[in-house]
Amino acid sequence: MSTILLVEDNEMNRDMLRRRLEKRGFKVLTAEDGAQALHTAKGHPPDLILLDMSLPLVDGWTAAAELKADESTRSIPVIALTAHAMDGDRQKAMSAGCDDYDTKPVDLQRLLVKIAALLEKESGQ
């Protein structure tokens, strides 16, 4: 069972996506802000991180950069999950260290394909 760290400050969005991922067989850890995400990722390294970019305390761009700069978390795949869908937002997320990018509202089937691809890549399959 793969573990996903879901970082989302909106409680309703966080709970809804957590339940949908758990129904698909994932173990889901949650964080409400970027600082909590960094702490959780270092203490309980997940297999993948879904990272909202507009977060309190530490935003998603900063959190992604810090995750990729730290040797203990650098190999964890990160998917930017954001309502930022303007030209350049994808590149900004990728430049911060994210491995993929998806927009809100969440299209679960599309997101599951991205999750599977990154988990397969990480496991070397």
PDB file of N, CA and C in Angstrom:
ATOM      1  N   MET A   1       0.848  -1.176   0.000  1.00  0.00           N
ATOM      2  CA  MET A   1       0.000   0.000   0.000  1.00  0.00           C
ATOM      3  C   MET A   1       0.896   1.243   0.000  1.00  0.00           C
ATOM      4  N   SER A   2       0.728   2.083  -0.974  1.00  0.00           N
ATOM      5  CA  SER A   2       1.507   3.315  -1.071  1.00  0.00           C
ATOM      6  C   SER A   2       0.929   4.382  -0.146  1.00  0.00           C
ATOM      7  N   THR A   3       1.824   5.182   0.412  1.00  0.00           N
ATOM      8  CA  THR A   3       1.419   6.268   1.292  1.00  0.00           C
ATOM      9  C   THR A   3       1.557   7.597   0.558  1.00  0.00           C
ATOM     10  N   ILE A   4       0.499   8.395   0.617  1.00  0.00           N
ATOM     11  CA  ILE A   4       0.477   9.718   0.002  1.00  0.00           C
ATOM     12  C   ILE A   4       0.330  10.759   1.107  1.00  0.00           C
ATOM     13  N   LEU A   5       1.157  11.780   1.037  1.00  0.00           N
ATOM     14  CA  LEU A   5       0.988  12.948   1.908  1.00  0.00           C
ATOM     15  C   LEU A   5       0.192  13.978   1.123  1.00  0.00           C
ATOM     16  N   LEU A   6      -1.000  14.269   1.585  1.00  0.00           N
ATOM     17  CA  LEU A   6      -1.897  15.244   0.957  1.00  0.00           C
ATOM     18  C   LEU A   6      -1.788  16.553   1.729  1.00  0.00           C
ATOM     19  N   VAL A   7      -1.289  17.584   1.056  1.00  0.00           N
ATOM     20  CA  VAL A   7      -1.096  18.889   1.685  1.00  0.00           C
ATOM     21  C   VAL A   7      -2.116  19.851   1.089  1.00  0.00           C
ATOM     22  N   GLU A   8      -3.114  20.197   1.897  1.00  0.00           N
ATOM     23  CA  GLU A   8      -4.234  21.018   1.439  1.00  0.00           C
ATOM     24  C   GLU A   8      -4.770  21.798   2.630  1.00  0.00           C
ATOM     25  N   ASP A   9      -4.874  23.119   2.493  1.00  0.00           N
ATOM     26  CA  ASP A   9      -5.339  23.930   3.618  1.00  0.00           C
ATOM     27  C   ASP A   9      -6.857  24.003   3.723  1.00  0.00           C
ATOM     28  N   ASN A  10      -7.568  23.683   2.656  1.00  0.00           N
ATOM     29  CA  ASN A  10      -9.028  23.708   2.687  1.00  0.00           C
ATOM     30  C   ASN A  10      -9.526  22.368   3.236  1.00  0.00           C
ATOM     31  N   GLU A  11     -10.150  22.416   4.409  1.00  0.00           N
ATOM     32  CA  GLU A  11     -10.557  21.189   5.091  1.00  0.00           C
ATOM     33  C   GLU A  11     -11.505  20.333   4.253  1.00  0.00           C
ATOM     34  N   MET A  12     -12.474  20.956   3.594  1.00  0.00           N
ATOM     35  CA  MET A  12     -13.429  20.191   2.795  1.00  0.00           C
ATOM     36  C   MET A  12     -12.726  19.497   1.622  1.00  0.00           C
ATOM     37  N   ASN A  13     -11.853  20.212   0.926  1.00  0.00           N
ATOM     38  CA  ASN A  13     -11.114  19.608  -0.183  1.00  0.00           C
ATOM     39  C   ASN A  13     -10.201  18.489   0.315  1.00  0.00           C
ATOM     40  N   ARG A  14      -9.536  18.728   1.435  1.00  0.00           N
ATOM     41  CA  ARG A  14      -8.610  17.746   2.004  1.00  0.00           C
ATOM     42  C   ARG A  14      -9.356  16.455   2.371  1.00  0.00           C
ATOM     43  N   ASP A  15     -10.467  16.597   3.083  1.00  0.00           N
ATOM     44  CA  ASP A  15     -11.214  15.417   3.515  1.00  0.00           C
ATOM     45  C   ASP A  15     -11.802  14.653   2.339  1.00  0.00           C
ATOM     46  N   MET A  16     -12.331  15.392   1.353  1.00  0.00           N
ATOM     47  CA  MET A  16     -12.931  14.740   0.186  1.00  0.00           C
ATOM     48  C   MET A  16     -11.880  13.943  -0.591  1.00  0.00           C
ATOM     49  N   LEU A  17     -10.733  14.565  -0.850  1.00  0.00           N
ATOM     50  CA  LEU A  17      -9.703  13.871  -1.623  1.00  0.00           C
ATOM     51  C   LEU A  17      -9.085  12.737  -0.819  1.00  0.00           C
ATOM     52  N   ARG A  18      -8.902  12.921   0.474  1.00  0.00           N
ATOM     53  CA  ARG A  18      -8.374  11.852   1.328  1.00  0.00           C
ATOM     54  C   ARG A  18      -9.268  10.622   1.240  1.00  0.00           C
ATOM     55  N   ARG A  19     -10.573  10.803   1.385  1.00  0.00           N
ATOM     56  CA  ARG A  19     -11.505   9.666   1.320  1.00  0.00           C
ATOM     57  C   ARG A  19     -11.457   8.979  -0.047  1.00  0.00           C
ATOM     58  N   ARG A  20     -11.396   9.762  -1.110  1.00  0.00           N
ATOM     59  CA  ARG A  20     -11.373   9.180  -2.458  1.00  0.00           C
ATOM     60  C   ARG A  20     -10.091   8.389  -2.691  1.00  0.00           C
ATOM     61  N   LEU A  21      -8.974   8.883  -2.184  1.00  0.00           N
ATOM     62  CA  LEU A  21      -7.702   8.157  -2.333  1.00  0.00           C
ATOM     63  C   LEU A  21      -7.681   6.902  -1.475  1.00  0.00           C
ATOM     64  N   GLU A  22      -8.224   6.986  -0.263  1.00  0.00           N
ATOM     65  CA  GLU A  22      -8.281   5.804   0.601  1.00  0.00           C
ATOM     66  C   GLU A  22      -9.145   4.712  -0.017  1.00  0.00           C
ATOM     67  N   LYS A  23     -10.229   5.089  -0.689  1.00  0.00           N
ATOM     68  CA  LYS A  23     -11.080   4.105  -1.368  1.00  0.00           C
ATOM     69  C   LYS A  23     -10.325   3.395  -2.485  1.00  0.00           C
ATOM     70  N   ARG A  24      -9.278   4.048  -3.026  1.00  0.00           N
ATOM     71  CA  ARG A  24      -8.454   3.459  -4.087  1.00  0.00           C
ATOM     72  C   ARG A  24      -7.278   2.669  -3.502  1.00  0.00           C
ATOM     73  N   GLY A  25      -7.234   2.528  -2.164  1.00  0.00           N
ATOM     74  CA  GLY A  25      -6.230   1.678  -1.539  1.00  0.00           C
ATOM     75  C   GLY A  25      -4.979   2.378  -1.044  1.00  0.00           C
ATOM     76  N   PHE A  26      -4.954   3.701  -1.063  1.00  0.00           N
ATOM     77  CA  PHE A  26      -3.790   4.433  -0.568  1.00  0.00           C
ATOM     78  C   PHE A  26      -3.930   4.710   0.922  1.00  0.00           C
ATOM     79  N   LYS A  27      -2.803   4.725   1.614  1.00  0.00           N
ATOM     80  CA  LYS A  27      -2.750   5.260   2.974  1.00  0.00           C
ATOM     81  C   LYS A  27      -2.489   6.751   2.796  1.00  0.00           C
ATOM     82  N   VAL A  28      -3.273   7.606   3.455  1.00  0.00           N
ATOM     83  CA  VAL A  28      -3.158   9.044   3.250  1.00  0.00           C
ATOM     84  C   VAL A  28      -2.829   9.750   4.560  1.00  0.00           C
ATOM     85  N   LEU A  29      -1.695  10.441   4.551  1.00  0.00           N
ATOM     86  CA  LEU A  29      -1.334  11.357   5.624  1.00  0.00           C
ATOM     87  C   LEU A  29      -1.756  12.742   5.163  1.00  0.00           C
ATOM     88  N   THR A  30      -2.096  13.628   6.090  1.00  0.00           N
ATOM     89  CA  THR A  30      -2.510  14.966   5.686  1.00  0.00           C
ATOM     90  C   THR A  30      -1.712  16.041   6.422  1.00  0.00           C
ATOM     91  N   ALA A  31      -1.617  17.179   5.766  1.00  0.00           N
ATOM     92  CA  ALA A  31      -1.013  18.373   6.350  1.00  0.00           C
ATOM     93  C   ALA A  31      -1.825  19.568   5.883  1.00  0.00           C
ATOM     94  N   GLU A  32      -1.931  20.573   6.752  1.00  0.00           N
ATOM     95  CA  GLU A  32      -2.747  21.750   6.460  1.00  0.00           C
ATOM     96  C   GLU A  32      -1.947  22.925   5.922  1.00  0.00           C
ATOM     97  N   ASP A  33      -0.623  22.873   6.045  1.00  0.00           N
ATOM     98  CA  ASP A  33       0.206  23.975   5.567  1.00  0.00           C
ATOM     99  C   ASP A  33       1.583  23.439   5.188  1.00  0.00           C
ATOM    100  N   GLY A  34       2.373  24.300   4.562  1.00  0.00           N
ATOM    101  CA  GLY A  34       3.681  23.870   4.085  1.00  0.00           C
ATOM    102  C   GLY A  34       4.641  23.476   5.189  1.00  0.00           C
ATOM    103  N   ALA A  35       4.590  24.181   6.327  1.00  0.00           N
ATOM    104  CA  ALA A  35       5.473  23.845   7.439  1.00  0.00           C
ATOM    105  C   ALA A  35       5.158  22.458   7.984  1.00  0.00           C
ATOM    106  N   GLN A  36       3.884  22.154   8.138  1.00  0.00           N
ATOM    107  CA  GLN A  36       3.467  20.832   8.613  1.00  0.00           C
ATOM    108  C   GLN A  36       3.838  19.760   7.589  1.00  0.00           C
ATOM    109  N   ALA A  37       3.741  20.088   6.310  1.00  0.00           N
ATOM    110  CA  ALA A  37       4.114  19.143   5.252  1.00  0.00           C
ATOM    111  C   ALA A  37       5.588  18.778   5.336  1.00  0.00           C
ATOM    112  N   LEU A  38       6.444  19.777   5.527  1.00  0.00           N
ATOM    113  CA  LEU A  38       7.882  19.517   5.633  1.00  0.00           C
ATOM    114  C   LEU A  38       8.181  18.639   6.834  1.00  0.00           C
ATOM    115  N   HIS A  39       7.550  18.924   7.958  1.00  0.00           N
ATOM    116  CA  HIS A  39       7.751  18.152   9.180  1.00  0.00           C
ATOM    117  C   HIS A  39       7.292  16.697   8.980  1.00  0.00           C
ATOM    118  N   THR A  40       6.118  16.526   8.403  1.00  0.00           N
ATOM    119  CA  THR A  40       5.570  15.180   8.184  1.00  0.00           C
ATOM    120  C   THR A  40       6.417  14.396   7.194  1.00  0.00           C
ATOM    121  N   ALA A  41       6.825  15.040   6.108  1.00  0.00           N
ATOM    122  CA  ALA A  41       7.618  14.345   5.082  1.00  0.00           C
ATOM    123  C   ALA A  41       8.952  13.855   5.638  1.00  0.00           C
ATOM    124  N   LYS A  42       9.541  14.607   6.542  1.00  0.00           N
ATOM    125  CA  LYS A  42      10.821  14.206   7.135  1.00  0.00           C
ATOM    126  C   LYS A  42      10.631  13.145   8.213  1.00  0.00           C
ATOM    127  N   GLY A  43       9.537  13.226   8.973  1.00  0.00           N
ATOM    128  CA  GLY A  43       9.296  12.279  10.056  1.00  0.00           C
ATOM    129  C   GLY A  43       8.672  10.973   9.618  1.00  0.00           C
ATOM    130  N   HIS A  44       7.850  11.032   8.598  1.00  0.00           N
ATOM    131  CA  HIS A  44       7.137   9.852   8.084  1.00  0.00           C
ATOM    132  C   HIS A  44       7.150   9.920   6.563  1.00  0.00           C
ATOM    133  N   PRO A  45       8.294   9.676   5.942  1.00  0.00           N
ATOM    134  CA  PRO A  45       8.402   9.872   4.487  1.00  0.00           C
ATOM    135  C   PRO A  45       7.346   9.091   3.697  1.00  0.00           C
ATOM    136  N   PRO A  46       6.522   9.804   2.937  1.00  0.00           N
ATOM    137  CA  PRO A  46       5.519   9.145   2.110  1.00  0.00           C
ATOM    138  C   PRO A  46       6.134   8.671   0.791  1.00  0.00           C
ATOM    139  N   ASP A  47       5.356   7.924   0.031  1.00  0.00           N
ATOM    140  CA  ASP A  47       5.790   7.489  -1.294  1.00  0.00           C
ATOM    141  C   ASP A  47       5.593   8.587  -2.331  1.00  0.00           C
ATOM    142  N   LEU A  48       4.678   9.520  -2.041  1.00  0.00           N
ATOM    143  CA  LEU A  48       4.356  10.596  -2.980  1.00  0.00           C
ATOM    144  C   LEU A  48       3.688  11.728  -2.205  1.00  0.00           C
ATOM    145  N   ILE A  49       3.852  12.957  -2.672  1.00  0.00           N
ATOM    146  CA  ILE A  49       3.234  14.118  -2.039  1.00  0.00           C
ATOM    147  C   ILE A  49       2.348  14.839  -3.053  1.00  0.00           C
ATOM    148  N   LEU A  50       1.101  15.103  -2.650  1.00  0.00           N
ATOM    149  CA  LEU A  50       0.194  15.979  -3.399  1.00  0.00           C
ATOM    150  C   LEU A  50       0.233  17.310  -2.673  1.00  0.00           C
ATOM    151  N   LEU A  51       0.729  18.335  -3.342  1.00  0.00           N
ATOM    152  CA  LEU A  51       1.052  19.596  -2.683  1.00  0.00           C
ATOM    153  C   LEU A  51       0.279  20.770  -3.267  1.00  0.00           C
ATOM    154  N   ASP A  52      -0.657  21.298  -2.476  1.00  0.00           N
ATOM    155  CA  ASP A  52      -1.323  22.536  -2.854  1.00  0.00           C
ATOM    156  C   ASP A  52      -0.259  23.628  -2.865  1.00  0.00           C
ATOM    157  N   MET A  53      -0.350  24.570  -3.776  1.00  0.00           N
ATOM    158  CA  MET A  53       0.680  25.596  -3.874  1.00  0.00           C
ATOM    159  C   MET A  53       0.347  26.848  -3.058  1.00  0.00           C
ATOM    160  N   SER A  54      -0.928  27.131  -2.844  1.00  0.00           N
ATOM    161  CA  SER A  54      -1.329  28.300  -2.051  1.00  0.00           C
ATOM    162  C   SER A  54      -1.626  27.855  -0.625  1.00  0.00           C
ATOM    163  N   LEU A  55      -0.588  27.889   0.195  1.00  0.00           N
ATOM    164  CA  LEU A  55      -0.688  27.401   1.568  1.00  0.00           C
ATOM    165  C   LEU A  55      -0.265  28.480   2.550  1.00  0.00           C
ATOM    166  N   PRO A  56      -0.802  28.426   3.775  1.00  0.00           N
ATOM    167  CA  PRO A  56      -0.326  29.347   4.809  1.00  0.00           C
ATOM    168  C   PRO A  56       1.039  28.915   5.358  1.00  0.00           C
ATOM    169  N   LEU A  57       1.688  29.807   6.035  1.00  0.00           N
ATOM    170  CA  LEU A  57       2.993  29.623   6.688  1.00  0.00           C
ATOM    171  C   LEU A  57       4.123  29.453   5.684  1.00  0.00           C
ATOM    172  N   VAL A  58       4.139  28.328   4.999  1.00  0.00           N
ATOM    173  CA  VAL A  58       5.129  28.068   3.951  1.00  0.00           C
ATOM    174  C   VAL A  58       4.339  27.676   2.706  1.00  0.00           C
ATOM    175  N   ASP A  59       4.454  28.455   1.617  1.00  0.00           N
ATOM    176  CA  ASP A  59       3.669  28.139   0.422  1.00  0.00           C
ATOM    177  C   ASP A  59       4.218  26.887  -0.275  1.00  0.00           C
ATOM    178  N   GLY A  60       3.457  26.382  -1.216  1.00  0.00           N
ATOM    179  CA  GLY A  60       3.825  25.148  -1.902  1.00  0.00           C
ATOM    180  C   GLY A  60       5.110  25.239  -2.703  1.00  0.00           C
ATOM    181  N   TRP A  61       5.368  26.397  -3.308  1.00  0.00           N
ATOM    182  CA  TRP A  61       6.593  26.550  -4.090  1.00  0.00           C
ATOM    183  C   TRP A  61       7.813  26.449  -3.175  1.00  0.00           C
ATOM    184  N   THR A  62       7.746  27.102  -2.027  1.00  0.00           N
ATOM    185  CA  THR A  62       8.845  27.059  -1.064  1.00  0.00           C
ATOM    186  C   THR A  62       8.992  25.658  -0.481  1.00  0.00           C
ATOM    187  N   ALA A  63       7.864  25.033  -0.135  1.00  0.00           N
ATOM    188  CA  ALA A  63       7.907  23.676   0.421  1.00  0.00           C
ATOM    189  C   ALA A  63       8.516  22.697  -0.581  1.00  0.00           C
ATOM    190  N   ALA A  64       8.125  22.797  -1.855  1.00  0.00           N
ATOM    191  CA  ALA A  64       8.680  21.903  -2.884  1.00  0.00           C
ATOM    192  C   ALA A  64      10.186  22.091  -2.996  1.00  0.00           C
ATOM    193  N   ALA A  65      10.625  23.333  -3.029  1.00  0.00           N
ATOM    194  CA  ALA A  65      12.058  23.614  -3.132  1.00  0.00           C
ATOM    195  C   ALA A  65      12.811  23.065  -1.924  1.00  0.00           C
ATOM    196  N   GLU A  66      12.245  23.212  -0.723  1.00  0.00           N
ATOM    197  CA  GLU A  66      12.894  22.694   0.476  1.00  0.00           C
ATOM    198  C   GLU A  66      12.919  21.171   0.483  1.00  0.00           C
ATOM    199  N   LEU A  67      11.842  20.532   0.033  1.00  0.00           N
ATOM    200  CA  LEU A  67      11.806  19.072  -0.042  1.00  0.00           C
ATOM    201  C   LEU A  67      12.895  18.547  -0.980  1.00  0.00           C
ATOM    202  N   LYS A  68      13.053  19.202  -2.119  1.00  0.00           N
ATOM    203  CA  LYS A  68      14.030  18.741  -3.109  1.00  0.00           C
ATOM    204  C   LYS A  68      15.464  19.097  -2.721  1.00  0.00           C
ATOM    205  N   ALA A  69      15.633  20.083  -1.847  1.00  0.00           N
ATOM    206  CA  ALA A  69      16.975  20.468  -1.395  1.00  0.00           C
ATOM    207  C   ALA A  69      17.481  19.573  -0.266  1.00  0.00           C
ATOM    208  N   ASP A  70      16.567  18.881   0.404  1.00  0.00           N
ATOM    209  CA  ASP A  70      16.920  18.042   1.544  1.00  0.00           C
ATOM    210  C   ASP A  70      17.169  16.608   1.065  1.00  0.00           C
ATOM    211  N   GLU A  71      18.342  16.093   1.369  1.00  0.00           N
ATOM    212  CA  GLU A  71      18.703  14.752   0.915  1.00  0.00           C
ATOM    213  C   GLU A  71      17.713  13.688   1.384  1.00  0.00           C
ATOM    214  N   SER A  72      17.121  13.873   2.555  1.00  0.00           N
ATOM    215  CA  SER A  72      16.213  12.858   3.100  1.00  0.00           C
ATOM    216  C   SER A  72      14.844  12.839   2.414  1.00  0.00           C
ATOM    217  N   THR A  73      14.486  13.903   1.699  1.00  0.00           N
ATOM    218  CA  THR A  73      13.167  13.957   1.053  1.00  0.00           C
ATOM    219  C   THR A  73      13.239  14.200  -0.452  1.00  0.00           C
ATOM    220  N   ARG A  74      14.425  14.393  -0.976  1.00  0.00           N
ATOM    221  CA  ARG A  74      14.591  14.786  -2.381  1.00  0.00           C
ATOM    222  C   ARG A  74      13.996  13.779  -3.369  1.00  0.00           C
ATOM    223  N   SER A  75      14.020  12.500  -3.034  1.00  0.00           N
ATOM    224  CA  SER A  75      13.551  11.494  -3.997  1.00  0.00           C
ATOM    225  C   SER A  75      12.041  11.268  -3.960  1.00  0.00           C
ATOM    226  N   ILE A  76      11.337  11.911  -3.025  1.00  0.00           N
ATOM    227  CA  ILE A  76       9.878  11.736  -2.949  1.00  0.00           C
ATOM    228  C   ILE A  76       9.223  12.515  -4.096  1.00  0.00           C
ATOM    229  N   PRO A  77       8.468  11.834  -4.957  1.00  0.00           N
ATOM    230  CA  PRO A  77       7.781  12.553  -6.043  1.00  0.00           C
ATOM    231  C   PRO A  77       6.745  13.527  -5.488  1.00  0.00           C
ATOM    232  N   VAL A  78       6.670  14.699  -6.108  1.00  0.00           N
ATOM    233  CA  VAL A  78       5.735  15.740  -5.683  1.00  0.00           C
ATOM    234  C   VAL A  78       4.881  16.151  -6.879  1.00  0.00           C
ATOM    235  N   ILE A  79       3.560  16.130  -6.674  1.00  0.00           N
ATOM    236  CA  ILE A  79       2.627  16.633  -7.673  1.00  0.00           C
ATOM    237  C   ILE A  79       2.036  17.933  -7.133  1.00  0.00           C
ATOM    238  N   ALA A  80       2.261  19.025  -7.862  1.00  0.00           N
ATOM    239  CA  ALA A  80       1.635  20.299  -7.513  1.00  0.00           C
ATOM    240  C   ALA A  80       0.148  20.162  -7.819  1.00  0.00           C
ATOM    241  N   LEU A  81      -0.666  20.460  -6.846  1.00  0.00           N
ATOM    242  CA  LEU A  81      -2.116  20.359  -6.992  1.00  0.00           C
ATOM    243  C   LEU A  81      -2.681  21.733  -6.689  1.00  0.00           C
ATOM    244  N   THR A  82      -3.124  22.438  -7.736  1.00  0.00           N
ATOM    245  CA  THR A  82      -3.407  23.855  -7.538  1.00  0.00           C
ATOM    246  C   THR A  82      -4.491  24.399  -8.446  1.00  0.00           C
ATOM    247  N   ALA A  83      -5.112  25.456  -7.980  1.00  0.00           N
ATOM    248  CA  ALA A  83      -6.075  26.184  -8.800  1.00  0.00           C
ATOM    249  C   ALA A  83      -5.362  27.158  -9.729  1.00  0.00           C
ATOM    250  N   HIS A  84      -4.058  27.332  -9.543  1.00  0.00           N
ATOM    251  CA  HIS A  84      -3.265  28.208 -10.413  1.00  0.00           C
ATOM    252  C   HIS A  84      -3.115  27.536 -11.776  1.00  0.00           C
ATOM    253  N   ALA A  85      -3.858  27.996 -12.739  1.00  0.00           N
ATOM    254  CA  ALA A  85      -3.861  27.368 -14.056  1.00  0.00           C
ATOM    255  C   ALA A  85      -3.547  28.366 -15.164  1.00  0.00           C
ATOM    256  N   MET A  86      -2.866  29.428 -14.816  1.00  0.00           N
ATOM    257  CA  MET A  86      -2.502  30.439 -15.802  1.00  0.00           C
ATOM    258  C   MET A  86      -1.231  30.005 -16.531  1.00  0.00           C
ATOM    259  N   ASP A  87      -0.985  30.654 -17.672  1.00  0.00           N
ATOM    260  CA  ASP A  87       0.260  30.382 -18.397  1.00  0.00           C
ATOM    261  C   ASP A  87       1.430  30.591 -17.454  1.00  0.00           C
ATOM    262  N   GLY A  88       2.348  29.664 -17.436  1.00  0.00           N
ATOM    263  CA  GLY A  88       3.538  29.791 -16.612  1.00  0.00           C
ATOM    264  C   GLY A  88       3.431  29.143 -15.249  1.00  0.00           C
ATOM    265  N   ASP A  89       2.209  28.854 -14.751  1.00  0.00           N
ATOM    266  CA  ASP A  89       2.074  28.257 -13.424  1.00  0.00           C
ATOM    267  C   ASP A  89       2.637  26.837 -13.374  1.00  0.00           C
ATOM    268  N   ARG A  90       2.432  26.071 -14.446  1.00  0.00           N
ATOM    269  CA  ARG A  90       2.995  24.723 -14.489  1.00  0.00           C
ATOM    270  C   ARG A  90       4.522  24.796 -14.417  1.00  0.00           C
ATOM    271  N   GLN A  91       5.102  25.683 -15.235  1.00  0.00           N
ATOM    272  CA  GLN A  91       6.557  25.809 -15.254  1.00  0.00           C
ATOM    273  C   GLN A  91       7.081  26.299 -13.911  1.00  0.00           C
ATOM    274  N   LYS A  92       6.348  27.200 -13.272  1.00  0.00           N
ATOM    275  CA  LYS A  92       6.765  27.699 -11.958  1.00  0.00           C
ATOM    276  C   LYS A  92       6.799  26.552 -10.941  1.00  0.00           C
ATOM    277  N   ALA A  93       5.797  25.687 -10.968  1.00  0.00           N
ATOM    278  CA  ALA A  93       5.758  24.536 -10.058  1.00  0.00           C
ATOM    279  C   ALA A  93       6.891  23.559 -10.358  1.00  0.00           C
ATOM    280  N   MET A  94       7.120  23.308 -11.638  1.00  0.00           N
ATOM    281  CA  MET A  94       8.193  22.374 -12.018  1.00  0.00           C
ATOM    282  C   MET A  94       9.559  22.961 -11.641  1.00  0.00           C
ATOM    283  N   SER A  95       9.727  24.246 -11.809  1.00  0.00           N
ATOM    284  CA  SER A  95      10.986  24.906 -11.451  1.00  0.00           C
ATOM    285  C   SER A  95      11.241  24.855  -9.946  1.00  0.00           C
ATOM    286  N   ALA A  96      10.170  24.830  -9.161  1.00  0.00           N
ATOM    287  CA  ALA A  96      10.302  24.741  -7.703  1.00  0.00           C
ATOM    288  C   ALA A  96      10.695  23.341  -7.254  1.00  0.00           C
ATOM    289  N   GLY A  97      10.590  22.362  -8.161  1.00  0.00           N
ATOM    290  CA  GLY A  97      10.991  21.003  -7.826  1.00  0.00           C
ATOM    291  C   GLY A  97       9.898  19.962  -7.949  1.00  0.00           C
ATOM    292  N   CYS A  98       8.697  20.395  -8.294  1.00  0.00           N
ATOM    293  CA  CYS A  98       7.610  19.416  -8.440  1.00  0.00           C
ATOM    294  C   CYS A  98       7.890  18.505  -9.632  1.00  0.00           C
ATOM    295  N   ASP A  99       7.436  17.262  -9.512  1.00  0.00           N
ATOM    296  CA  ASP A  99       7.647  16.273 -10.565  1.00  0.00           C
ATOM    297  C   ASP A  99       6.509  16.254 -11.575  1.00  0.00           C
ATOM    298  N   ASP A 100       5.356  16.772 -11.176  1.00  0.00           N
ATOM    299  CA  ASP A 100       4.211  16.870 -12.076  1.00  0.00           C
ATOM    300  C   ASP A 100       3.295  17.964 -11.539  1.00  0.00           C
ATOM    301  N   TYR A 101       2.239  18.229 -12.282  1.00  0.00           N
ATOM    302  CA  TYR A 101       1.368  19.363 -12.003  1.00  0.00           C
ATOM    303  C   TYR A 101      -0.049  18.960 -12.382  1.00  0.00           C
ATOM    304  N   ASP A 102      -1.009  19.295 -11.525  1.00  0.00           N
ATOM    305  CA  ASP A 102      -2.407  19.047 -11.854  1.00  0.00           C
ATOM    306  C   ASP A 102      -3.237  20.197 -11.294  1.00  0.00           C
ATOM    307  N   THR A 103      -4.345  20.467 -11.955  1.00  0.00           N
ATOM    308  CA  THR A 103      -5.168  21.605 -11.576  1.00  0.00           C
ATOM    309  C   THR A 103      -6.412  21.175 -10.812  1.00  0.00           C
ATOM    310  N   LYS A 104      -6.922  22.122 -10.041  1.00  0.00           N
ATOM    311  CA  LYS A 104      -8.204  21.956  -9.355  1.00  0.00           C
ATOM    312  C   LYS A 104      -9.267  22.636 -10.207  1.00  0.00           C
ATOM    313  N   PRO A 105     -10.492  22.171 -10.146  1.00  0.00           N
ATOM    314  CA  PRO A 105     -10.941  21.065  -9.329  1.00  0.00           C
ATOM    315  C   PRO A 105     -10.322  19.750  -9.800  1.00  0.00           C
ATOM    316  N   VAL A 106     -10.147  18.854  -8.854  1.00  0.00           N
ATOM    317  CA  VAL A 106      -9.460  17.590  -9.114  1.00  0.00           C
ATOM    318  C   VAL A 106     -10.292  16.698 -10.029  1.00  0.00           C
ATOM    319  N   ASP A 107      -9.652  16.241 -11.096  1.00  0.00           N
ATOM    320  CA  ASP A 107     -10.203  15.181 -11.944  1.00  0.00           C
ATOM    321  C   ASP A 107      -9.518  13.916 -11.437  1.00  0.00           C
ATOM    322  N   LEU A 108     -10.225  13.125 -10.623  1.00  0.00           N
ATOM    323  CA  LEU A 108      -9.593  12.007  -9.926  1.00  0.00           C
ATOM    324  C   LEU A 108      -8.946  11.009 -10.876  1.00  0.00           C
ATOM    325  N   GLN A 109      -9.586  10.684 -11.975  1.00  0.00           N
ATOM    326  CA  GLN A 109      -9.007   9.701 -12.907  1.00  0.00           C
ATOM    327  C   GLN A 109      -7.688  10.217 -13.481  1.00  0.00           C
ATOM    328  N   ARG A 110      -7.650  11.475 -13.874  1.00  0.00           N
ATOM    329  CA  ARG A 110      -6.422  12.065 -14.405  1.00  0.00           C
ATOM    330  C   ARG A 110      -5.327  12.071 -13.340  1.00  0.00           C
ATOM    331  N   LEU A 111      -5.702  12.438 -12.110  1.00  0.00           N
ATOM    332  CA  LEU A 111      -4.740  12.473 -11.015  1.00  0.00           C
ATOM    333  C   LEU A 111      -4.209  11.079 -10.698  1.00  0.00           C
ATOM    334  N   LEU A 112      -5.071  10.077 -10.703  1.00  0.00           N
ATOM    335  CA  LEU A 112      -4.639   8.705 -10.423  1.00  0.00           C
ATOM    336  C   LEU A 112      -3.630   8.205 -11.463  1.00  0.00           C
ATOM    337  N   VAL A 113      -3.799   8.604 -12.719  1.00  0.00           N
ATOM    338  CA  VAL A 113      -2.841   8.234 -13.769  1.00  0.00           C
ATOM    339  C   VAL A 113      -1.475   8.849 -13.461  1.00  0.00           C
ATOM    340  N   LYS A 114      -1.473  10.110 -13.051  1.00  0.00           N
ATOM    341  CA  LYS A 114      -0.209  10.783 -12.722  1.00  0.00           C
ATOM    342  C   LYS A 114       0.449  10.148 -11.490  1.00  0.00           C
ATOM    343  N   ILE A 115      -0.362   9.836 -10.491  1.00  0.00           N
ATOM    344  CA  ILE A 115       0.167   9.188  -9.284  1.00  0.00           C
ATOM    345  C   ILE A 115       0.797   7.847  -9.652  1.00  0.00           C
ATOM    346  N   ALA A 116       0.079   7.038 -10.419  1.00  0.00           N
ATOM    347  CA  ALA A 116       0.593   5.718 -10.804  1.00  0.00           C
ATOM    348  C   ALA A 116       1.893   5.836 -11.585  1.00  0.00           C
ATOM    349  N   ALA A 117       1.968   6.781 -12.493  1.00  0.00           N
ATOM    350  CA  ALA A 117       3.178   6.949 -13.305  1.00  0.00           C
ATOM    351  C   ALA A 117       4.375   7.303 -12.428  1.00  0.00           C
ATOM    352  N   LEU A 118       4.196   8.200 -11.479  1.00  0.00           N
ATOM    353  CA  LEU A 118       5.304   8.599 -10.611  1.00  0.00           C
ATOM    354  C   LEU A 118       5.698   7.496  -9.647  1.00  0.00           C
ATOM    355  N   LEU A 119       4.718   6.756  -9.129  1.00  0.00           N
ATOM    356  CA  LEU A 119       5.030   5.651  -8.211  1.00  0.00           C
ATOM    357  C   LEU A 119       5.766   4.530  -8.950  1.00  0.00           C
ATOM    358  N   GLU A 120       5.380   4.261 -10.195  1.00  0.00           N
ATOM    359  CA  GLU A 120       6.067   3.239 -11.007  1.00  0.00           C
ATOM    360  C   GLU A 120       7.483   3.689 -11.314  1.00  0.00           C
ATOM    361  N   LYS A 121       7.649   4.949 -11.659  1.00  0.00           N
ATOM    362  CA  LYS A 121       8.970   5.493 -11.966  1.00  0.00           C
ATOM    363  C   LYS A 121       9.873   5.398 -10.728  1.00  0.00           C
ATOM    364  N   GLU A 122       9.326   5.736  -9.577  1.00  0.00           N
ATOM    365  CA  GLU A 122      10.091   5.725  -8.332  1.00  0.00           C
ATOM    366  C   GLU A 122      10.514   4.310  -7.941  1.00  0.00           C
ATOM    367  N   SER A 123       9.632   3.339  -8.222  1.00  0.00           N
ATOM    368  CA  SER A 123       9.960   1.962  -7.852  1.00  0.00           C
ATOM    369  C   SER A 123      10.841   1.290  -8.901  1.00  0.00           C
ATOM    370  N   GLY A 124      11.108   1.978  -9.991  1.00  0.00           N
ATOM    371  CA  GLY A 124      12.011   1.457 -11.017  1.00  0.00           C
ATOM    372  C   GLY A 124      11.370   0.473 -11.965  1.00  0.00           C
ATOM    373  N   GLN A 125      10.056   0.454 -12.013  1.00  0.00           N
ATOM    374  CA  GLN A 125       9.367  -0.493 -12.904  1.00  0.00           C
ATOM    375  C   GLN A 125       9.234   0.077 -14.296  1.00  0.00           C
TER     376      GLN A 125
END
